[in-house]
Amino acid sequence: MKLSAKGRYAVMALADLASIKEQGPVTLAEIAERQDISISYLEQLFAKLRRSGVVKGVRGPGGGYRLSRPACETSIVDIILAVDEQIDTVACDRNSNVGCTGKTGRCLAHDLWDELGRHIYLFLSSVTLDDVLNRRVLGTAGGAHLMESMHQK
């Protein structure tokens, strides 16, 4: 599974928003400049985030956006799902009779990929913006040396 730019940029933008300790709302222009994301792309993402209740928009002079809930209560999965990002590792359409192979039935590895998707969802549900900002995600996979050795192969 590869997380698209939509999900990654939404998390980056909200981490930026959460990192601002000021009380006032933050403009998309400020986020765009700090994170090097186009304002028009942020407008699309924040429209979805607002509709999903992840952020609140403040109109008028001095307006912008703020988180709807504290960073410690805003999970990464909430952000990703709000921008219509799918956390799905199976190739088949669950609402179709056509299986992973393009025929009826599932591929032999279907349960493996399905379970991986569930683990990704659970992990992203357990991580908050506050965890990201305070770097409490580092080392939680418990095998950074394994990932390093995998990249060397």
Protein backbone atom coordinates (compact mmCIF):
# COMPACT_ATOMS: atom_id res chain seq x y z
CA MET A 1 0.00 0.00 0.00
CA LYS A 2 1.27 3.44 -0.85
CA LEU A 3 -0.20 6.46 0.85
CA SER A 4 -0.88 9.12 -1.76
CA ALA A 5 0.22 12.74 -1.62
CA LYS A 6 -3.28 13.67 -0.47
CA GLY A 7 -2.94 11.77 2.80
CA ARG A 8 0.70 12.70 3.39
CA TYR A 9 0.11 16.40 2.72
CA ALA A 10 -2.98 16.49 4.93
CA VAL A 11 -0.99 15.04 7.84
CA MET A 12 1.92 17.44 7.18
CA ALA A 13 -0.41 20.44 7.05
CA LEU A 14 -2.25 19.51 10.24
CA ALA A 15 0.99 18.76 12.06
CA ASP A 16 2.09 22.26 11.05
CA LEU A 17 -1.22 23.70 12.23
CA ALA A 18 -0.94 21.85 15.55
CA SER A 19 2.65 23.00 16.05
CA ILE A 20 1.59 26.66 16.17
CA LYS A 21 1.11 27.43 19.84
CA GLU A 22 -0.63 30.75 19.25
CA GLN A 23 -4.33 30.98 20.07
CA GLY A 24 -5.39 32.47 16.75
CA PRO A 25 -6.28 30.66 13.56
CA VAL A 26 -3.58 29.86 11.00
CA THR A 27 -3.90 30.79 7.34
CA LEU A 28 -3.36 28.35 4.52
CA ALA A 29 -0.75 30.74 3.11
CA GLU A 30 1.33 30.32 6.27
CA ILE A 31 1.08 26.53 6.11
CA ALA A 32 1.80 26.55 2.37
CA GLU A 33 4.97 28.56 2.87
CA ARG A 34 6.30 26.46 5.76
CA GLN A 35 5.44 23.08 4.23
CA ASP A 36 6.02 23.92 0.55
CA ILE A 37 2.52 22.84 -0.48
CA SER A 38 0.47 24.84 -2.97
CA ILE A 39 -2.33 26.93 -1.51
CA SER A 40 -4.84 25.61 -4.06
CA TYR A 41 -4.05 22.03 -2.99
CA LEU A 42 -4.38 22.99 0.67
CA GLU A 43 -7.75 24.61 -0.07
CA GLN A 44 -9.01 21.31 -1.48
CA LEU A 45 -7.69 19.33 1.48
CA PHE A 46 -8.97 21.76 4.11
CA ALA A 47 -12.44 21.84 2.54
CA LYS A 48 -12.63 18.08 3.13
CA LEU A 49 -11.06 18.34 6.58
CA ARG A 50 -13.61 21.02 7.54
CA ARG A 51 -16.56 18.98 6.24
CA SER A 52 -15.32 16.00 8.26
CA GLY A 53 -15.02 18.11 11.40
CA VAL A 54 -11.26 17.74 11.78
CA VAL A 55 -10.65 21.50 11.48
CA LYS A 56 -12.72 24.63 12.00
CA GLY A 57 -12.59 27.60 9.66
CA VAL A 58 -12.61 31.14 11.00
CA ARG A 59 -13.79 33.81 8.54
CA GLY A 60 -12.85 37.45 8.26
CA PRO A 61 -9.73 39.43 9.06
CA GLY A 62 -7.37 37.33 11.12
CA GLY A 63 -9.21 34.23 9.96
CA GLY A 64 -7.81 30.87 9.07
CA TYR A 65 -8.06 27.38 10.47
CA ARG A 66 -7.65 25.66 13.79
CA LEU A 67 -8.02 22.07 14.93
CA SER A 68 -11.51 21.08 16.08
CA ARG A 69 -10.03 18.94 18.86
CA PRO A 70 -6.69 19.12 20.67
CA ALA A 71 -3.73 17.51 18.87
CA CYS A 72 -3.67 14.74 21.49
CA GLU A 73 -7.22 13.78 20.44
CA THR A 74 -6.73 14.03 16.66
CA SER A 75 -5.68 10.66 15.26
CA ILE A 76 -3.78 10.29 12.01
CA VAL A 77 -6.44 7.92 10.69
CA ASP A 78 -9.09 10.64 11.16
CA ILE A 79 -7.04 12.97 8.97
CA ILE A 80 -6.38 10.39 6.26
CA LEU A 81 -9.99 9.24 6.08
CA ALA A 82 -11.23 12.85 6.04
CA VAL A 83 -9.42 13.53 2.76
CA ASP A 84 -10.91 10.39 1.18
CA GLU A 85 -7.72 8.41 1.41
CA GLN A 86 -8.38 4.67 1.42
CA ILE A 87 -6.52 2.42 3.82
CA ASP A 88 -6.97 -0.70 1.78
CA THR A 89 -4.31 -3.22 0.90
CA VAL A 90 -6.45 -5.68 -1.05
CA ALA A 91 -6.84 -5.44 -4.80
CA CYS A 92 -10.42 -6.62 -4.92
CA ASP A 93 -13.60 -4.60 -4.59
CA ARG A 94 -15.34 -5.81 -1.44
CA ASN A 95 -18.73 -4.90 -2.93
CA SER A 96 -18.26 -7.00 -6.04
CA ASN A 97 -18.49 -10.69 -6.83
CA VAL A 98 -15.28 -10.36 -8.80
CA GLY A 99 -12.37 -11.39 -6.59
CA CYS A 100 -8.74 -10.29 -6.40
CA THR A 101 -7.84 -12.30 -9.48
CA GLY A 102 -10.43 -10.58 -11.68
CA LYS A 103 -12.60 -13.68 -11.52
CA THR A 104 -14.81 -15.03 -8.79
CA GLY A 105 -13.07 -15.80 -5.55
CA ARG A 106 -10.15 -14.34 -3.71
CA CYS A 107 -6.45 -14.74 -4.38
CA LEU A 108 -4.48 -17.04 -2.11
CA ALA A 109 -2.84 -14.12 -0.28
CA HIS A 110 -6.06 -12.14 0.23
CA ASP A 111 -6.20 -12.71 3.99
CA LEU A 112 -2.58 -11.59 4.36
CA TRP A 113 -3.20 -8.27 2.60
CA ASP A 114 -6.53 -7.77 4.36
CA GLU A 115 -4.92 -8.28 7.77
CA LEU A 116 -2.07 -5.90 6.84
CA GLY A 117 -4.68 -3.23 6.06
CA ARG A 118 -6.27 -3.79 9.46
CA HIS A 119 -2.88 -3.39 11.18
CA ILE A 120 -2.17 -0.17 9.30
CA TYR A 121 -5.59 1.16 10.28
CA LEU A 122 -5.05 0.22 13.95
CA PHE A 123 -1.58 1.77 13.98
CA LEU A 124 -2.76 5.04 12.42
CA SER A 125 -5.69 5.06 14.87
CA SER A 126 -3.28 4.83 17.78
CA VAL A 127 -1.07 7.73 16.66
CA THR A 128 -2.14 11.33 17.27
CA LEU A 129 -0.88 14.62 15.92
CA ASP A 130 0.61 15.21 19.35
CA ASP A 131 2.57 11.95 19.04
CA VAL A 132 3.93 13.09 15.68
CA LEU A 133 4.88 16.54 16.97
CA ASN A 134 6.60 15.11 20.04
CA ARG A 135 8.33 12.38 18.03
CA ARG A 136 6.72 9.58 20.02
CA VAL A 137 6.38 7.50 16.84
CA LEU A 138 10.10 6.89 16.37
CA GLY A 139 11.11 3.36 17.21
CA THR A 140 7.57 2.11 17.77
CA ALA A 141 7.91 -0.38 14.95
CA GLY A 142 10.49 -2.16 17.10
CA GLY A 143 12.79 -3.09 14.27
CA ALA A 144 14.44 -0.11 12.64
CA HIS A 145 17.53 -2.26 12.12
CA LEU A 146 15.41 -4.78 10.19
CA MET A 147 14.13 -2.08 7.85
CA GLU A 148 17.68 -0.90 7.31
CA SER A 149 18.87 -4.40 6.43
CA MET A 150 15.90 -4.84 4.05
CA HIS A 151 16.92 -1.70 2.15
CA GLN A 152 20.48 -2.97 1.84
CA LYS A 153 19.42 -6.16 0.04
